[in-house]
Protein backbone atom coordinates (compact mmCIF):
# COMPACT_ATOMS: atom_id res chain seq x y z
CA MET A 1 127.55 -7.07 58.63
CA GLU A 2 125.61 -4.40 60.57
CA LEU A 3 122.80 -2.92 58.44
CA THR A 4 121.45 0.58 58.57
CA ARG A 5 117.77 1.15 59.29
CA GLY A 6 117.22 1.92 55.61
CA GLN A 7 119.03 -1.28 54.56
CA ARG A 8 116.93 -3.38 56.98
CA TRP A 9 113.77 -1.87 55.51
CA LEU A 10 114.93 -2.50 52.00
CA ASN A 11 115.96 -6.02 52.86
CA ARG A 12 112.28 -6.88 53.57
CA TRP A 13 111.44 -6.61 49.88
CA TRP A 14 112.33 -9.36 47.45
CA PRO A 15 113.00 -8.23 43.82
CA SER A 16 109.73 -9.07 42.12
CA ARG A 17 109.49 -6.75 39.12
CA ARG A 18 111.19 -7.94 35.95
CA LEU A 19 112.81 -5.71 33.37
CA ARG A 20 110.69 -6.85 30.40
CA THR A 21 112.63 -5.10 27.64
CA ASP A 22 116.14 -3.85 27.02
CA PRO A 23 116.15 -0.48 25.23
CA LEU A 24 119.62 -1.05 23.80
CA GLN A 25 119.09 -4.61 22.59
CA GLU A 26 118.01 -3.67 19.06
CA LEU A 27 119.70 -0.28 18.90
CA LEU A 28 123.35 -1.43 18.66
CA VAL A 29 123.10 -4.74 16.71
CA ASP A 30 125.56 -4.40 13.80
CA GLY A 31 125.42 -7.88 12.32
CA ARG A 32 127.93 -9.59 14.56
CA TYR A 33 128.18 -8.03 18.07
CA ALA A 34 125.12 -7.25 20.17
CA PRO A 35 124.61 -5.99 23.71
CA VAL A 36 123.99 -8.63 26.37
CA SER A 37 120.36 -8.17 27.42
CA ILE A 38 119.34 -6.93 30.86
CA ALA A 39 115.75 -8.02 30.26
CA ASN A 40 114.29 -10.60 32.69
CA TRP A 41 116.26 -9.34 35.73
CA LYS A 42 114.25 -9.10 38.96
CA LEU A 43 115.13 -5.72 40.46
CA ILE A 44 113.71 -3.28 42.95
CA ALA A 45 112.67 -0.01 41.32
CA PRO A 46 115.55 2.23 42.54
CA VAL A 47 118.19 -0.26 41.32
CA ALA A 48 116.41 -0.72 37.98
CA ARG A 49 116.26 3.06 37.40
CA SER A 50 119.92 3.47 38.25
CA LEU A 51 120.92 0.64 35.96
CA LEU A 52 118.99 1.91 32.98
CA VAL A 53 120.51 5.40 33.36
CA ARG A 54 124.05 4.03 33.49
CA ARG A 55 123.80 1.96 30.28
CA VAL A 56 125.08 4.37 27.64
CA PRO A 57 125.35 3.25 24.00
CA ARG A 58 129.01 2.57 23.16
CA PRO A 59 130.27 0.95 19.93
CA LEU A 60 132.50 -2.06 20.25
CA SER A 61 136.02 -1.93 18.84
CA PHE A 62 139.17 -4.07 19.06
CA ASN A 63 142.84 -3.34 19.66
CA ALA A 64 145.78 -5.22 18.28
CA ASP A 65 149.20 -5.86 19.87
CA ARG A 66 147.79 -6.34 23.37
CA ARG A 67 148.93 -9.05 25.77
CA LEU A 68 146.25 -11.63 26.50
CA THR A 69 146.12 -13.84 29.53
CA VAL A 70 143.63 -16.73 29.37
CA VAL A 71 142.59 -17.66 32.93
CA ILE A 72 141.08 -21.13 33.35
CA PRO A 73 139.61 -21.97 36.78
CA PHE A 74 140.18 -25.68 37.31
CA ARG A 75 139.74 -28.71 39.53
CA ASP A 76 139.68 -32.39 38.61
CA ARG A 77 139.01 -32.08 34.87
CA GLU A 78 142.19 -33.33 33.24
CA GLN A 79 140.39 -34.82 30.21
CA HIS A 80 138.62 -31.52 29.52
CA LEU A 81 141.91 -29.62 29.77
CA ALA A 82 143.62 -31.99 27.42
CA GLU A 83 140.85 -31.39 24.84
CA LEU A 84 140.77 -27.65 25.28
CA LEU A 85 144.41 -26.64 25.17
CA PRO A 86 145.44 -27.72 21.66
CA VAL A 87 142.31 -26.18 20.11
CA LEU A 88 142.65 -22.96 22.09
CA LYS A 89 146.37 -22.65 21.21
CA ALA A 90 145.60 -23.15 17.53
CA GLN A 91 142.94 -20.40 17.62
CA LEU A 92 145.28 -17.97 19.38
CA HIS A 93 148.16 -18.64 17.00
CA ALA A 94 145.90 -18.31 13.94
CA GLN A 95 144.75 -14.89 15.22
CA GLN A 96 148.40 -13.90 15.99
CA ILE A 97 147.60 -12.96 19.54
CA GLN A 98 150.38 -12.61 22.11
CA HIS A 99 149.09 -14.78 24.89
CA ARG A 100 149.66 -16.59 28.10
CA ILE A 101 147.47 -19.48 29.33
CA VAL A 102 147.27 -19.89 33.10
CA VAL A 103 145.33 -22.79 34.67
CA VAL A 104 144.45 -21.94 38.29
CA GLU A 105 143.84 -25.14 40.19
CA GLN A 106 142.14 -25.18 43.56
CA ALA A 107 143.66 -27.56 46.16
CA PRO A 108 141.24 -30.14 47.59
CA GLY A 109 139.50 -29.66 50.88
CA SER A 110 136.66 -27.15 50.26
CA LEU A 111 133.87 -26.46 47.82
CA PHE A 112 134.91 -25.23 44.43
CA ASN A 113 135.11 -21.40 44.14
CA ARG A 114 135.27 -20.36 40.51
CA GLY A 115 135.11 -16.61 41.17
CA ARG A 116 138.02 -16.71 43.61
CA LEU A 117 140.15 -18.80 41.24
CA ILE A 118 139.58 -16.27 38.44
CA ASN A 119 140.51 -13.47 40.78
CA ILE A 120 143.72 -15.27 41.67
CA GLY A 121 144.61 -15.80 38.01
CA VAL A 122 144.00 -12.10 37.29
CA HIS A 123 146.03 -10.94 40.30
CA PHE A 124 148.86 -13.43 39.71
CA THR A 125 149.37 -12.28 36.04
CA ALA A 126 148.48 -8.56 36.33
CA ASP A 127 151.97 -7.32 35.59
CA SER A 128 152.14 -9.13 32.22
CA SER A 129 148.55 -8.71 31.02
CA ASP A 130 146.66 -6.04 29.06
CA TYR A 131 143.44 -8.00 28.96
CA TYR A 132 141.98 -11.36 30.05
CA CYS A 133 139.84 -14.14 28.68
CA LEU A 134 138.04 -15.83 31.58
CA HIS A 135 137.63 -19.29 30.06
CA ASP A 136 135.76 -22.38 31.28
CA VAL A 137 137.69 -25.62 30.80
CA ASP A 138 134.68 -27.31 29.16
CA ALA A 139 134.20 -24.65 26.43
CA ILE A 140 136.02 -25.72 23.26
CA PRO A 141 136.25 -22.90 20.70
CA LEU A 142 135.08 -23.62 17.16
CA SER A 143 134.79 -19.97 16.05
CA ALA A 144 135.79 -17.19 18.46
CA ASN A 145 137.44 -13.76 18.31
CA TYR A 146 140.05 -13.54 21.08
CA SER A 147 141.15 -9.95 20.20
CA CYS A 148 141.15 -7.24 22.86
CA PRO A 149 137.66 -5.65 23.01
CA SER A 150 136.81 -2.11 24.13
CA GLN A 151 133.94 -3.44 26.23
CA PRO A 152 133.46 -6.73 28.08
CA LEU A 153 132.64 -9.39 25.46
CA ARG A 154 131.10 -12.83 25.78
CA LEU A 155 132.65 -15.03 23.07
CA VAL A 156 129.99 -17.80 23.32
CA ASN A 157 126.72 -17.68 21.47
CA ARG A 158 126.04 -21.04 19.81
CA ILE A 159 127.13 -24.37 21.21
CA GLN A 160 127.48 -27.90 20.02
CA SER A 161 126.81 -30.47 22.70
CA ASN A 162 126.87 -34.28 22.51
CA GLY A 163 127.18 -34.21 18.71
CA THR A 164 124.06 -32.13 18.11
CA ALA A 165 123.80 -29.19 15.68
CA ALA A 166 124.79 -25.71 16.86
CA GLN A 167 122.20 -24.17 19.09
CA LYS A 168 121.90 -20.86 20.92
CA ARG A 169 123.48 -20.82 24.33
CA HIS A 170 120.97 -20.51 27.13
CA ASN A 171 119.65 -16.93 26.80
CA ASP A 172 120.61 -13.43 25.75
CA TYR A 173 121.52 -12.38 29.27
CA TYR A 174 123.99 -15.19 29.86
CA PHE A 175 127.49 -13.80 30.55
CA SER A 176 129.93 -16.60 31.14
CA GLY A 177 131.70 -19.52 29.40
CA ALA A 178 134.41 -17.41 27.76
CA VAL A 179 134.53 -13.68 28.47
CA SER A 180 137.16 -11.19 27.31
CA ILE A 181 137.72 -8.06 29.37
CA ARG A 182 140.40 -5.38 29.69
CA LYS A 183 142.59 -5.35 32.79
CA GLU A 184 141.50 -1.84 33.82
CA GLN A 185 137.79 -2.84 33.57
CA MET A 186 138.44 -6.01 35.63
CA PHE A 187 140.09 -4.06 38.42
CA ALA A 188 137.57 -1.19 38.26
CA VAL A 189 134.73 -3.57 39.22
CA ASN A 190 136.93 -5.34 41.80
CA GLY A 191 136.81 -8.60 39.91
CA PHE A 192 134.52 -11.44 41.04
CA SER A 193 133.02 -11.88 44.46
CA ASN A 194 135.00 -14.36 46.57
CA GLU A 195 131.84 -15.59 48.36
CA TYR A 196 130.20 -17.97 45.84
CA TRP A 197 130.85 -21.64 46.61
CA GLY A 198 130.16 -24.64 44.44
CA TRP A 199 128.75 -23.76 41.02
CA GLY A 200 126.31 -21.02 40.17
CA LYS A 201 125.43 -17.29 40.40
CA GLU A 202 129.01 -15.96 40.56
CA ASP A 203 128.76 -15.14 36.81
CA ASP A 204 125.49 -13.28 37.41
CA ASP A 205 127.16 -11.33 40.23
CA PHE A 206 130.08 -10.39 37.95
CA PHE A 207 127.79 -9.33 35.13
CA PHE A 208 125.81 -7.11 37.48
CA ARG A 209 129.02 -5.56 38.82
CA LEU A 210 129.90 -4.58 35.26
CA LEU A 211 126.42 -3.14 34.73
CA LEU A 212 126.58 -1.10 37.93
CA ALA A 213 129.93 0.33 36.81
CA GLY A 214 128.33 1.53 33.57
CA HIS A 215 129.81 -1.00 31.17
CA LEU A 216 127.82 -2.11 28.10
CA CYS A 217 128.57 -5.82 27.74
CA TYR A 218 128.44 -7.49 24.33
CA PHE A 219 128.25 -11.00 22.92
CA ASP A 220 129.58 -12.35 19.62
CA GLN A 221 126.71 -13.64 17.53
CA GLN A 222 129.12 -15.73 15.48
CA GLY A 223 130.85 -17.25 18.45
CA GLU A 224 130.56 -21.00 18.39
CA PHE A 225 131.85 -23.51 20.92
CA HIS A 226 131.66 -27.21 21.69
CA ASP A 227 130.39 -27.79 25.22
CA LEU A 228 131.87 -30.79 27.04
CA PRO A 229 129.62 -32.68 29.51
CA ASN A 230 130.28 -32.04 33.19
CA PRO A 231 131.43 -35.03 35.24
CA LYS A 232 128.53 -36.55 37.19
CA HIS A 233 130.19 -35.95 40.56
CA GLN A 234 130.37 -32.23 39.78
CA GLN A 235 126.77 -31.82 38.73
CA VAL A 236 124.42 -30.07 41.18
CA LYS A 237 120.90 -31.22 41.91
CA ARG A 238 118.64 -28.17 41.92
CA SER A 239 115.09 -29.24 42.68
CA GLY A 240 112.84 -28.53 45.65
CA TRP A 241 114.16 -29.00 49.19
CA ALA A 242 116.94 -31.20 47.83
CA THR A 243 118.78 -28.11 46.57
CA PRO A 244 122.18 -28.04 48.40
CA ALA A 245 122.64 -25.40 51.05
CA HIS A 246 125.49 -23.70 49.18
CA VAL A 247 123.31 -23.24 46.09
CA ARG A 248 120.59 -21.56 48.16
CA ARG A 249 123.27 -19.42 49.82
CA ASN A 250 124.61 -18.35 46.42
CA ARG A 251 121.11 -17.31 45.36
CA ARG A 252 120.70 -15.22 48.54
CA GLN A 253 124.07 -13.58 47.97
CA ARG A 254 123.11 -12.64 44.41
CA SER A 255 119.74 -11.33 45.54
CA ARG A 256 121.43 -9.07 48.08
CA LEU A 257 123.54 -7.52 45.28
CA LEU A 258 120.44 -6.96 43.17
CA ARG A 259 118.76 -5.20 46.07
CA GLY A 260 121.69 -2.84 46.59
CA LEU A 261 122.66 -4.41 49.91
CA VAL A 262 126.13 -5.51 48.90
CA ASP A 263 128.97 -3.17 47.94
CA PRO A 264 131.32 -4.79 45.33
CA ALA A 265 134.12 -2.60 46.63
CA GLU A 266 134.11 -4.66 49.85
CA ASP A 267 134.49 -8.10 48.25
CA GLY A 268 136.72 -9.00 45.35
CA LEU A 269 140.26 -8.47 44.16
CA ASN A 270 141.04 -6.02 46.99
CA THR A 271 140.08 -8.60 49.68
CA LEU A 272 141.73 -11.60 47.96
CA ARG A 273 143.91 -13.86 50.09
CA TYR A 274 145.63 -16.94 48.72
CA GLU A 275 148.77 -19.07 48.83
CA VAL A 276 150.43 -20.57 45.74
CA THR A 277 151.42 -24.20 46.58
CA GLY A 278 152.68 -25.15 43.15
CA HIS A 279 153.72 -23.47 39.91
CA VAL A 280 154.61 -25.44 36.81
CA GLN A 281 155.46 -24.01 33.35
CA GLY A 282 154.41 -26.45 30.64
CA ALA A 283 154.65 -26.42 26.84
CA ASP A 284 150.98 -25.43 26.35
CA CYS A 285 150.24 -23.55 29.55
CA GLU A 286 151.40 -22.85 33.06
CA ARG A 287 149.56 -24.23 36.06
CA ILE A 288 149.38 -22.78 39.54
CA CYS A 289 147.90 -24.69 42.44
CA VAL A 290 146.40 -22.48 45.19
CA ARG A 291 144.74 -22.68 48.56
CA TRP A 292 143.39 -20.13 51.05
């Protein structure tokens, strides 16, 4: 991509100043739902100022009688899927939610691309959906509200892993695992980037797209999940010079977005290309196999 003179100048500076506090973090806590923090982000000053101005306090509410599509990006985790589906179905039936579960499976031959698979699931089911839950296959719900939220909502807060007691998930600015979002919000931010390969940083990119569009993202403080261990062959080593090239590339891509050098309107749902190579309707879910 050809850069303007101003972009080349801006590209010299690495985001080094952290947002130490989030002015809305304490303001809107109502006992269960709280804003996802933007503290700890490394941003250049113009982007930070723009972001803080856009974040307007908005209360979170829920709508009934909306059609939910659960989109599960997937490859080579049959055991995880077998554990997730019956628990997820039971939760959705108990909450009397009209739903559709779509497992989007990437054909072999290239690095896993979670963001692109989610985009495909969203695009493929757009005509029959009012809102989505973007759901990892290794996140088993123990307590979660799958209703349609007025603002993007992270369902995960506490996790149980390997039989341990429930613990807080990562950090307050985590925005992944299981996220509910209205269809119009998903399309307004152009979905996920299609350019993150392997695992990592595509969820940060998506969260930042939502922030740039002025959305106030929430998380459910009572949301509790069981986290299944990742298969060893799908774990990524992230230390020193041994960090894989695609992980470093993902970090650079996210950094470009944080510096204002990437326009989300040029990469996402509107640039999505894919081919459905298989479509099976099962008792618990439907599965589509895709390639690009």
